[in-house]
Amino acid sequence: MRITQITVVFLFYWISYDLSCNEAVIFKFSNAVCKSFNESWFLIHQCRIKAIKRNVNTLNFNGTVLYPAYDIFVHLQVFKKANGYKPWLFNVTVDGCRFIKRPNSPFAMLIFNLFKDFSNFNHSCPYMGPQLVKGFYLRHELLKLPLPSGEYLLAITWLFDRRPQFKTDVYFVFTE
Protein backbone atom coordinates (compact mmCIF):
# COMPACT_ATOMS: atom_id res chain seq x y z
CA MET A 1 0.00 0.00 0.00
CA ARG A 2 2.76 2.43 0.95
CA ILE A 3 4.74 1.65 -2.23
CA THR A 4 1.63 2.31 -4.34
CA GLN A 5 1.16 5.74 -2.75
CA ILE A 6 4.81 6.61 -3.27
CA THR A 7 4.60 5.45 -6.89
CA VAL A 8 1.46 7.53 -7.55
CA VAL A 9 3.03 10.64 -5.99
CA PHE A 10 6.23 10.11 -7.98
CA LEU A 11 4.26 9.69 -11.24
CA PHE A 12 2.22 12.81 -10.48
CA TYR A 13 5.35 14.92 -9.94
CA TRP A 14 7.07 13.44 -12.97
CA ILE A 15 4.08 14.14 -15.26
CA SER A 16 3.62 17.67 -13.91
CA TYR A 17 7.35 18.38 -14.35
CA ASP A 18 7.30 16.97 -17.86
CA LEU A 19 4.27 19.10 -18.81
CA SER A 20 5.78 22.26 -17.34
CA CYS A 21 9.01 21.80 -19.32
CA ASN A 22 7.19 21.16 -22.58
CA GLU A 23 6.55 24.48 -24.32
CA ALA A 24 4.22 23.15 -26.99
CA VAL A 25 2.50 26.49 -27.52
CA ILE A 26 3.91 28.70 -30.27
CA PHE A 27 2.74 32.30 -29.93
CA LYS A 28 4.91 34.62 -31.98
CA PHE A 29 4.86 37.57 -34.33
CA SER A 30 5.10 36.98 -38.05
CA ASN A 31 4.97 40.57 -39.37
CA ALA A 32 4.34 44.17 -38.34
CA VAL A 33 3.25 46.98 -40.64
CA CYS A 34 2.90 50.55 -39.41
CA LYS A 35 1.66 53.50 -41.43
CA SER A 36 1.19 57.13 -40.48
CA PHE A 37 -1.72 58.89 -42.21
CA ASN A 38 -0.72 62.34 -40.91
CA GLU A 39 3.04 62.80 -40.60
CA SER A 40 2.60 66.38 -39.44
CA TRP A 41 1.09 64.99 -36.20
CA PHE A 42 2.59 61.52 -35.76
CA LEU A 43 5.94 60.21 -37.06
CA ILE A 44 6.87 56.52 -37.06
CA HIS A 45 10.61 56.01 -36.66
CA GLN A 46 10.72 52.24 -36.16
CA CYS A 47 8.28 49.37 -36.53
CA ARG A 48 10.07 46.05 -36.74
CA ILE A 49 10.26 42.52 -35.46
CA LYS A 50 13.56 41.15 -34.23
CA ALA A 51 14.22 37.40 -34.00
CA ILE A 52 15.56 36.27 -30.62
CA LYS A 53 15.15 32.49 -30.86
CA ARG A 54 13.41 30.14 -33.24
CA ASN A 55 9.99 30.59 -31.60
CA VAL A 56 10.57 33.93 -29.87
CA ASN A 57 10.73 37.32 -31.50
CA THR A 58 10.20 40.85 -30.24
CA LEU A 59 8.34 43.86 -31.56
CA ASN A 60 9.96 47.29 -31.38
CA PHE A 61 7.92 50.39 -32.13
CA ASN A 62 9.10 53.99 -31.90
CA GLY A 63 6.86 56.89 -32.82
CA THR A 64 6.60 60.55 -31.92
CA VAL A 65 3.46 62.56 -31.24
CA LEU A 66 4.38 66.07 -32.42
CA TYR A 67 1.41 67.93 -30.88
CA PRO A 68 -0.48 67.13 -27.67
CA ALA A 69 -3.24 64.56 -28.19
CA TYR A 70 -6.16 64.94 -25.77
CA ASP A 71 -8.91 63.04 -27.61
CA ILE A 72 -7.61 59.56 -28.49
CA PHE A 73 -9.69 56.65 -29.72
CA VAL A 74 -8.32 53.22 -30.54
CA HIS A 75 -10.08 50.95 -33.04
CA LEU A 76 -9.14 47.27 -32.55
CA GLN A 77 -9.98 44.49 -34.99
CA VAL A 78 -8.89 40.86 -35.06
CA PHE A 79 -8.79 38.92 -38.32
CA LYS A 80 -8.13 35.19 -38.79
CA LYS A 81 -6.46 33.84 -41.91
CA ALA A 82 -8.75 31.58 -43.90
CA ASN A 83 -8.45 32.15 -47.65
CA GLY A 84 -7.35 35.69 -46.86
CA TYR A 85 -7.85 37.54 -43.58
CA LYS A 86 -11.48 37.44 -42.48
CA PRO A 87 -12.99 39.42 -39.56
CA TRP A 88 -12.97 37.27 -36.44
CA LEU A 89 -14.66 37.84 -33.10
CA PHE A 90 -13.53 41.36 -32.13
CA ASN A 91 -14.22 44.79 -33.62
CA VAL A 92 -14.02 47.36 -30.80
CA THR A 93 -13.47 51.11 -30.53
CA VAL A 94 -12.19 52.35 -27.18
CA ASP A 95 -11.71 55.85 -25.77
CA GLY A 96 -7.98 55.67 -25.02
CA CYS A 97 -7.83 58.48 -22.46
CA ARG A 98 -10.75 57.10 -20.49
CA PHE A 99 -9.42 53.54 -20.75
CA ILE A 100 -6.08 54.45 -19.13
CA LYS A 101 -7.89 56.11 -16.21
CA ARG A 102 -10.49 53.36 -15.78
CA PRO A 103 -10.25 50.23 -17.99
CA ASN A 104 -13.73 49.45 -19.26
CA SER A 105 -13.30 47.12 -22.24
CA PRO A 106 -12.38 43.48 -21.58
CA PHE A 107 -10.84 42.98 -25.02
CA ALA A 108 -8.79 46.19 -24.80
CA MET A 109 -7.63 45.13 -21.33
CA LEU A 110 -6.48 41.79 -22.74
CA ILE A 111 -4.43 43.52 -25.47
CA PHE A 112 -3.11 46.24 -23.14
CA ASN A 113 -2.01 43.71 -20.49
CA LEU A 114 0.07 41.91 -23.12
CA PHE A 115 2.27 44.93 -23.89
CA LYS A 116 2.00 47.36 -20.95
CA ASP A 117 5.25 46.16 -19.35
CA PHE A 118 7.15 46.97 -22.55
CA SER A 119 5.75 50.43 -23.30
CA ASN A 120 5.49 53.98 -22.01
CA PHE A 121 1.74 54.21 -22.82
CA ASN A 122 0.80 53.87 -19.15
CA HIS A 123 -0.02 57.50 -18.36
CA SER A 124 -3.16 59.52 -18.90
CA CYS A 125 -3.75 62.09 -21.63
CA PRO A 126 -2.32 64.23 -23.13
CA TYR A 127 0.20 62.19 -25.11
CA MET A 128 3.13 64.02 -26.63
CA GLY A 129 6.67 63.12 -27.54
CA PRO A 130 8.15 59.66 -28.04
CA GLN A 131 5.85 56.66 -27.70
CA LEU A 132 7.74 53.39 -27.37
CA VAL A 133 7.16 49.66 -27.32
CA LYS A 134 10.52 47.98 -26.83
CA GLY A 135 11.32 44.28 -26.66
CA PHE A 136 7.65 43.20 -26.63
CA TYR A 137 7.22 39.46 -26.97
CA LEU A 138 4.03 37.42 -26.80
CA ARG A 139 3.41 35.30 -23.71
CA HIS A 140 0.64 32.74 -23.91
CA GLU A 141 0.25 32.76 -20.10
CA LEU A 142 -1.26 36.26 -20.29
CA LEU A 143 -3.74 35.27 -22.97
CA LYS A 144 -6.84 34.40 -20.99
CA LEU A 145 -8.89 33.32 -24.00
CA PRO A 146 -9.03 29.94 -25.69
CA LEU A 147 -7.62 30.67 -29.12
CA PRO A 148 -7.79 28.20 -31.99
CA SER A 149 -4.52 27.51 -33.78
CA GLY A 150 -3.94 29.69 -36.82
CA GLU A 151 -2.60 32.92 -38.22
CA TYR A 152 -4.10 36.19 -37.01
CA LEU A 153 -3.95 39.91 -37.68
CA LEU A 154 -4.50 42.54 -35.00
CA ALA A 155 -5.33 45.78 -36.81
CA ILE A 156 -5.14 48.86 -34.58
CA THR A 157 -6.17 52.26 -35.92
CA TRP A 158 -5.28 55.21 -33.69
CA LEU A 159 -7.62 58.20 -33.96
CA PHE A 160 -6.71 61.66 -32.62
CA ASP A 161 -9.61 64.13 -32.61
CA ARG A 162 -11.77 61.46 -34.32
CA ARG A 163 -9.45 61.33 -37.37
CA PRO A 164 -7.17 58.35 -38.14
CA GLN A 165 -3.55 59.33 -37.52
CA PHE A 166 -1.70 56.02 -37.83
CA LYS A 167 -2.30 52.30 -38.11
CA THR A 168 -0.42 49.32 -36.72
CA ASP A 169 -1.07 45.90 -38.23
CA VAL A 170 0.49 43.11 -36.19
CA TYR A 171 0.44 39.60 -37.64
CA PHE A 172 0.96 36.67 -35.29
CA VAL A 173 0.80 32.88 -35.20
CA PHE A 174 -0.76 30.82 -32.43
CA THR A 175 -0.22 27.05 -32.45
CA GLU A 176 -0.94 24.59 -29.67
C-alpha atoms as a PDB file:
ATOM      1  CA  MET A   1       0.000   0.000   0.000  1.00  0.00           C
ATOM      2  CA  ARG A   2       2.758   2.434   0.947  1.00  0.00           C
ATOM      3  CA  ILE A   3       4.737   1.655  -2.227  1.00  0.00           C
ATOM      4  CA  THR A   4       1.628   2.307  -4.341  1.00  0.00           C
ATOM      5  CA  GLN A   5       1.160   5.735  -2.752  1.00  0.00           C
ATOM      6  CA  ILE A   6       4.810   6.613  -3.271  1.00  0.00           C
ATOM      7  CA  THR A   7       4.599   5.450  -6.894  1.00  0.00           C
ATOM      8  CA  VAL A   8       1.460   7.525  -7.551  1.00  0.00           C
ATOM      9  CA  VAL A   9       3.029  10.636  -5.986  1.00  0.00           C
ATOM     10  CA  PHE A  10       6.226  10.110  -7.984  1.00  0.00           C
ATOM     11  CA  LEU A  11       4.263   9.690 -11.241  1.00  0.00           C
ATOM     12  CA  PHE A  12       2.222  12.805 -10.481  1.00  0.00           C
ATOM     13  CA  TYR A  13       5.348  14.921  -9.941  1.00  0.00           C
ATOM     14  CA  TRP A  14       7.070  13.444 -12.972  1.00  0.00           C
ATOM     15  CA  ILE A  15       4.083  14.142 -15.263  1.00  0.00           C
ATOM     16  CA  SER A  16       3.616  17.670 -13.905  1.00  0.00           C
ATOM     17  CA  TYR A  17       7.350  18.383 -14.347  1.00  0.00           C
ATOM     18  CA  ASP A  18       7.299  16.965 -17.859  1.00  0.00           C
ATOM     19  CA  LEU A  19       4.269  19.097 -18.812  1.00  0.00           C
ATOM     20  CA  SER A  20       5.778  22.259 -17.340  1.00  0.00           C
ATOM     21  CA  CYS A  21       9.013  21.796 -19.318  1.00  0.00           C
ATOM     22  CA  ASN A  22       7.191  21.157 -22.583  1.00  0.00           C
ATOM     23  CA  GLU A  23       6.554  24.478 -24.321  1.00  0.00           C
ATOM     24  CA  ALA A  24       4.223  23.154 -26.991  1.00  0.00           C
ATOM     25  CA  VAL A  25       2.503  26.490 -27.516  1.00  0.00           C
ATOM     26  CA  ILE A  26       3.910  28.704 -30.268  1.00  0.00           C
ATOM     27  CA  PHE A  27       2.735  32.297 -29.927  1.00  0.00           C
ATOM     28  CA  LYS A  28       4.906  34.619 -31.983  1.00  0.00           C
ATOM     29  CA  PHE A  29       4.863  37.574 -34.331  1.00  0.00           C
ATOM     30  CA  SER A  30       5.104  36.980 -38.054  1.00  0.00           C
ATOM     31  CA  ASN A  31       4.970  40.573 -39.373  1.00  0.00           C
ATOM     32  CA  ALA A  32       4.337  44.169 -38.338  1.00  0.00           C
ATOM     33  CA  VAL A  33       3.247  46.978 -40.641  1.00  0.00           C
ATOM     34  CA  CYS A  34       2.898  50.549 -39.406  1.00  0.00           C
ATOM     35  CA  LYS A  35       1.661  53.502 -41.428  1.00  0.00           C
ATOM     36  CA  SER A  36       1.194  57.134 -40.480  1.00  0.00           C
ATOM     37  CA  PHE A  37      -1.715  58.887 -42.209  1.00  0.00           C
ATOM     38  CA  ASN A  38      -0.720  62.337 -40.913  1.00  0.00           C
ATOM     39  CA  GLU A  39       3.041  62.796 -40.604  1.00  0.00           C
ATOM     40  CA  SER A  40       2.605  66.376 -39.438  1.00  0.00           C
ATOM     41  CA  TRP A  41       1.088  64.985 -36.196  1.00  0.00           C
ATOM     42  CA  PHE A  42       2.594  61.516 -35.759  1.00  0.00           C
ATOM     43  CA  LEU A  43       5.936  60.210 -37.064  1.00  0.00           C
ATOM     44  CA  ILE A  44       6.867  56.522 -37.064  1.00  0.00           C
ATOM     45  CA  HIS A  45      10.606  56.012 -36.662  1.00  0.00           C
ATOM     46  CA  GLN A  46      10.719  52.243 -36.165  1.00  0.00           C
ATOM     47  CA  CYS A  47       8.279  49.371 -36.527  1.00  0.00           C
ATOM     48  CA  ARG A  48      10.071  46.055 -36.742  1.00  0.00           C
ATOM     49  CA  ILE A  49      10.255  42.520 -35.456  1.00  0.00           C
ATOM     50  CA  LYS A  50      13.558  41.146 -34.235  1.00  0.00           C
ATOM     51  CA  ALA A  51      14.217  37.398 -34.001  1.00  0.00           C
ATOM     52  CA  ILE A  52      15.563  36.270 -30.623  1.00  0.00           C
ATOM     53  CA  LYS A  53      15.146  32.488 -30.856  1.00  0.00           C
ATOM     54  CA  ARG A  54      13.409  30.142 -33.237  1.00  0.00           C
ATOM     55  CA  ASN A  55       9.992  30.585 -31.598  1.00  0.00           C
ATOM     56  CA  VAL A  56      10.570  33.928 -29.870  1.00  0.00           C
ATOM     57  CA  ASN A  57      10.730  37.322 -31.503  1.00  0.00           C
ATOM     58  CA  THR A  58      10.200  40.847 -30.239  1.00  0.00           C
ATOM     59  CA  LEU A  59       8.338  43.860 -31.557  1.00  0.00           C
ATOM     60  CA  ASN A  60       9.955  47.294 -31.378  1.00  0.00           C
ATOM     61  CA  PHE A  61       7.918  50.392 -32.126  1.00  0.00           C
ATOM     62  CA  ASN A  62       9.099  53.986 -31.900  1.00  0.00           C
ATOM     63  CA  GLY A  63       6.858  56.888 -32.819  1.00  0.00           C
ATOM     64  CA  THR A  64       6.603  60.547 -31.916  1.00  0.00           C
ATOM     65  CA  VAL A  65       3.458  62.564 -31.241  1.00  0.00           C
ATOM     66  CA  LEU A  66       4.380  66.073 -32.425  1.00  0.00           C
ATOM     67  CA  TYR A  67       1.408  67.925 -30.882  1.00  0.00           C
ATOM     68  CA  PRO A  68      -0.482  67.131 -27.667  1.00  0.00           C
ATOM     69  CA  ALA A  69      -3.241  64.555 -28.189  1.00  0.00           C
ATOM     70  CA  TYR A  70      -6.160  64.937 -25.767  1.00  0.00           C
ATOM     71  CA  ASP A  71      -8.913  63.045 -27.612  1.00  0.00           C
ATOM     72  CA  ILE A  72      -7.615  59.563 -28.490  1.00  0.00           C
ATOM     73  CA  PHE A  73      -9.689  56.652 -29.716  1.00  0.00           C
ATOM     74  CA  VAL A  74      -8.317  53.222 -30.545  1.00  0.00           C
ATOM     75  CA  HIS A  75     -10.082  50.954 -33.043  1.00  0.00           C
ATOM     76  CA  LEU A  76      -9.136  47.272 -32.547  1.00  0.00           C
ATOM     77  CA  GLN A  77      -9.975  44.495 -34.992  1.00  0.00           C
ATOM     78  CA  VAL A  78      -8.886  40.861 -35.061  1.00  0.00           C
ATOM     79  CA  PHE A  79      -8.786  38.917 -38.315  1.00  0.00           C
ATOM     80  CA  LYS A  80      -8.132  35.191 -38.792  1.00  0.00           C
ATOM     81  CA  LYS A  81      -6.464  33.844 -41.911  1.00  0.00           C
ATOM     82  CA  ALA A  82      -8.754  31.576 -43.895  1.00  0.00           C
ATOM     83  CA  ASN A  83      -8.452  32.154 -47.651  1.00  0.00           C
ATOM     84  CA  GLY A  84      -7.347  35.694 -46.857  1.00  0.00           C
ATOM     85  CA  TYR A  85      -7.848  37.538 -43.585  1.00  0.00           C
ATOM     86  CA  LYS A  86     -11.484  37.437 -42.484  1.00  0.00           C
ATOM     87  CA  PRO A  87     -12.989  39.417 -39.560  1.00  0.00           C
ATOM     88  CA  TRP A  88     -12.967  37.270 -36.443  1.00  0.00           C
ATOM     89  CA  LEU A  89     -14.662  37.841 -33.096  1.00  0.00           C
ATOM     90  CA  PHE A  90     -13.534  41.363 -32.130  1.00  0.00           C
ATOM     91  CA  ASN A  91     -14.222  44.785 -33.615  1.00  0.00           C
ATOM     92  CA  VAL A  92     -14.019  47.357 -30.803  1.00  0.00           C
ATOM     93  CA  THR A  93     -13.470  51.115 -30.534  1.00  0.00           C
ATOM     94  CA  VAL A  94     -12.189  52.350 -27.180  1.00  0.00           C
ATOM     95  CA  ASP A  95     -11.714  55.854 -25.765  1.00  0.00           C
ATOM     96  CA  GLY A  96      -7.977  55.665 -25.024  1.00  0.00           C
ATOM     97  CA  CYS A  97      -7.826  58.480 -22.456  1.00  0.00           C
ATOM     98  CA  ARG A  98     -10.753  57.103 -20.488  1.00  0.00           C
ATOM     99  CA  PHE A  99      -9.420  53.537 -20.746  1.00  0.00           C
ATOM    100  CA  ILE A 100      -6.082  54.453 -19.135  1.00  0.00           C
ATOM    101  CA  LYS A 101      -7.893  56.109 -16.205  1.00  0.00           C
ATOM    102  CA  ARG A 102     -10.486  53.364 -15.781  1.00  0.00           C
ATOM    103  CA  PRO A 103     -10.247  50.235 -17.987  1.00  0.00           C
ATOM    104  CA  ASN A 104     -13.731  49.452 -19.258  1.00  0.00           C
ATOM    105  CA  SER A 105     -13.300  47.123 -22.239  1.00  0.00           C
ATOM    106  CA  PRO A 106     -12.376  43.481 -21.575  1.00  0.00           C
ATOM    107  CA  PHE A 107     -10.837  42.977 -25.019  1.00  0.00           C
ATOM    108  CA  ALA A 108      -8.792  46.190 -24.803  1.00  0.00           C
ATOM    109  CA  MET A 109      -7.627  45.134 -21.325  1.00  0.00           C
ATOM    110  CA  LEU A 110      -6.482  41.793 -22.741  1.00  0.00           C
ATOM    111  CA  ILE A 111      -4.430  43.519 -25.465  1.00  0.00           C
ATOM    112  CA  PHE A 112      -3.105  46.241 -23.138  1.00  0.00           C
ATOM    113  CA  ASN A 113      -2.010  43.705 -20.492  1.00  0.00           C
ATOM    114  CA  LEU A 114       0.066  41.909 -23.124  1.00  0.00           C
ATOM    115  CA  PHE A 115       2.271  44.927 -23.890  1.00  0.00           C
ATOM    116  CA  LYS A 116       1.995  47.361 -20.954  1.00  0.00           C
ATOM    117  CA  ASP A 117       5.253  46.155 -19.350  1.00  0.00           C
ATOM    118  CA  PHE A 118       7.145  46.966 -22.547  1.00  0.00           C
ATOM    119  CA  SER A 119       5.747  50.434 -23.304  1.00  0.00           C
ATOM    120  CA  ASN A 120       5.487  53.979 -22.008  1.00  0.00           C
ATOM    121  CA  PHE A 121       1.744  54.214 -22.816  1.00  0.00           C
ATOM    122  CA  ASN A 122       0.796  53.866 -19.149  1.00  0.00           C
ATOM    123  CA  HIS A 123      -0.024  57.503 -18.363  1.00  0.00           C
ATOM    124  CA  SER A 124      -3.159  59.524 -18.901  1.00  0.00           C
ATOM    125  CA  CYS A 125      -3.751  62.091 -21.626  1.00  0.00           C
ATOM    126  CA  PRO A 126      -2.324  64.228 -23.131  1.00  0.00           C
ATOM    127  CA  TYR A 127       0.196  62.194 -25.106  1.00  0.00           C
ATOM    128  CA  MET A 128       3.129  64.023 -26.634  1.00  0.00           C
ATOM    129  CA  GLY A 129       6.674  63.116 -27.540  1.00  0.00           C
ATOM    130  CA  PRO A 130       8.150  59.660 -28.044  1.00  0.00           C
ATOM    131  CA  GLN A 131       5.847  56.655 -27.702  1.00  0.00           C
ATOM    132  CA  LEU A 132       7.741  53.391 -27.369  1.00  0.00           C
ATOM    133  CA  VAL A 133       7.164  49.663 -27.320  1.00  0.00           C
ATOM    134  CA  LYS A 134      10.524  47.984 -26.828  1.00  0.00           C
ATOM    135  CA  GLY A 135      11.321  44.275 -26.660  1.00  0.00           C
ATOM    136  CA  PHE A 136       7.654  43.197 -26.626  1.00  0.00           C
ATOM    137  CA  TYR A 137       7.222  39.458 -26.973  1.00  0.00           C
ATOM    138  CA  LEU A 138       4.029  37.424 -26.796  1.00  0.00           C
ATOM    139  CA  ARG A 139       3.414  35.304 -23.706  1.00  0.00           C
ATOM    140  CA  HIS A 140       0.636  32.743 -23.910  1.00  0.00           C
ATOM    141  CA  GLU A 141       0.253  32.763 -20.096  1.00  0.00           C
ATOM    142  CA  LEU A 142      -1.258  36.255 -20.292  1.00  0.00           C
ATOM    143  CA  LEU A 143      -3.740  35.271 -22.974  1.00  0.00           C
ATOM    144  CA  LYS A 144      -6.839  34.404 -20.992  1.00  0.00           C
ATOM    145  CA  LEU A 145      -8.894  33.317 -24.001  1.00  0.00           C
ATOM    146  CA  PRO A 146      -9.033  29.941 -25.688  1.00  0.00           C
ATOM    147  CA  LEU A 147      -7.620  30.672 -29.119  1.00  0.00           C
ATOM    148  CA  PRO A 148      -7.792  28.198 -31.990  1.00  0.00           C
ATOM    149  CA  SER A 149      -4.524  27.508 -33.782  1.00  0.00           C
ATOM    150  CA  GLY A 150      -3.939  29.690 -36.816  1.00  0.00           C
ATOM    151  CA  GLU A 151      -2.596  32.921 -38.225  1.00  0.00           C
ATOM    152  CA  TYR A 152      -4.099  36.189 -37.006  1.00  0.00           C
ATOM    153  CA  LEU A 153      -3.955  39.914 -37.680  1.00  0.00           C
ATOM    154  CA  LEU A 154      -4.501  42.539 -34.999  1.00  0.00           C
ATOM    155  CA  ALA A 155      -5.329  45.780 -36.805  1.00  0.00           C
ATOM    156  CA  ILE A 156      -5.142  48.864 -34.585  1.00  0.00           C
ATOM    157  CA  THR A 157      -6.167  52.260 -35.923  1.00  0.00           C
ATOM    158  CA  TRP A 158      -5.275  55.210 -33.685  1.00  0.00           C
ATOM    159  CA  LEU A 159      -7.618  58.199 -33.963  1.00  0.00           C
ATOM    160  CA  PHE A 160      -6.711  61.661 -32.616  1.00  0.00           C
ATOM    161  CA  ASP A 161      -9.615  64.131 -32.606  1.00  0.00           C
ATOM    162  CA  ARG A 162     -11.767  61.464 -34.323  1.00  0.00           C
ATOM    163  CA  ARG A 163      -9.448  61.328 -37.365  1.00  0.00           C
ATOM    164  CA  PRO A 164      -7.174  58.355 -38.140  1.00  0.00           C
ATOM    165  CA  GLN A 165      -3.545  59.326 -37.521  1.00  0.00           C
ATOM    166  CA  PHE A 166      -1.703  56.022 -37.832  1.00  0.00           C
ATOM    167  CA  LYS A 167      -2.296  52.302 -38.107  1.00  0.00           C
ATOM    168  CA  THR A 168      -0.415  49.324 -36.719  1.00  0.00           C
ATOM    169  CA  ASP A 169      -1.067  45.901 -38.228  1.00  0.00           C
ATOM    170  CA  VAL A 170       0.490  43.109 -36.192  1.00  0.00           C
ATOM    171  CA  TYR A 171       0.436  39.603 -37.640  1.00  0.00           C
ATOM    172  CA  PHE A 172       0.958  36.670 -35.287  1.00  0.00           C
ATOM    173  CA  VAL A 173       0.803  32.878 -35.198  1.00  0.00           C
ATOM    174  CA  PHE A 174      -0.761  30.825 -32.425  1.00  0.00           C
ATOM    175  CA  THR A 175      -0.221  27.053 -32.448  1.00  0.00           C
ATOM    176  CA  GLU A 176      -0.935  24.588 -29.668  1.00  0.00           C
END
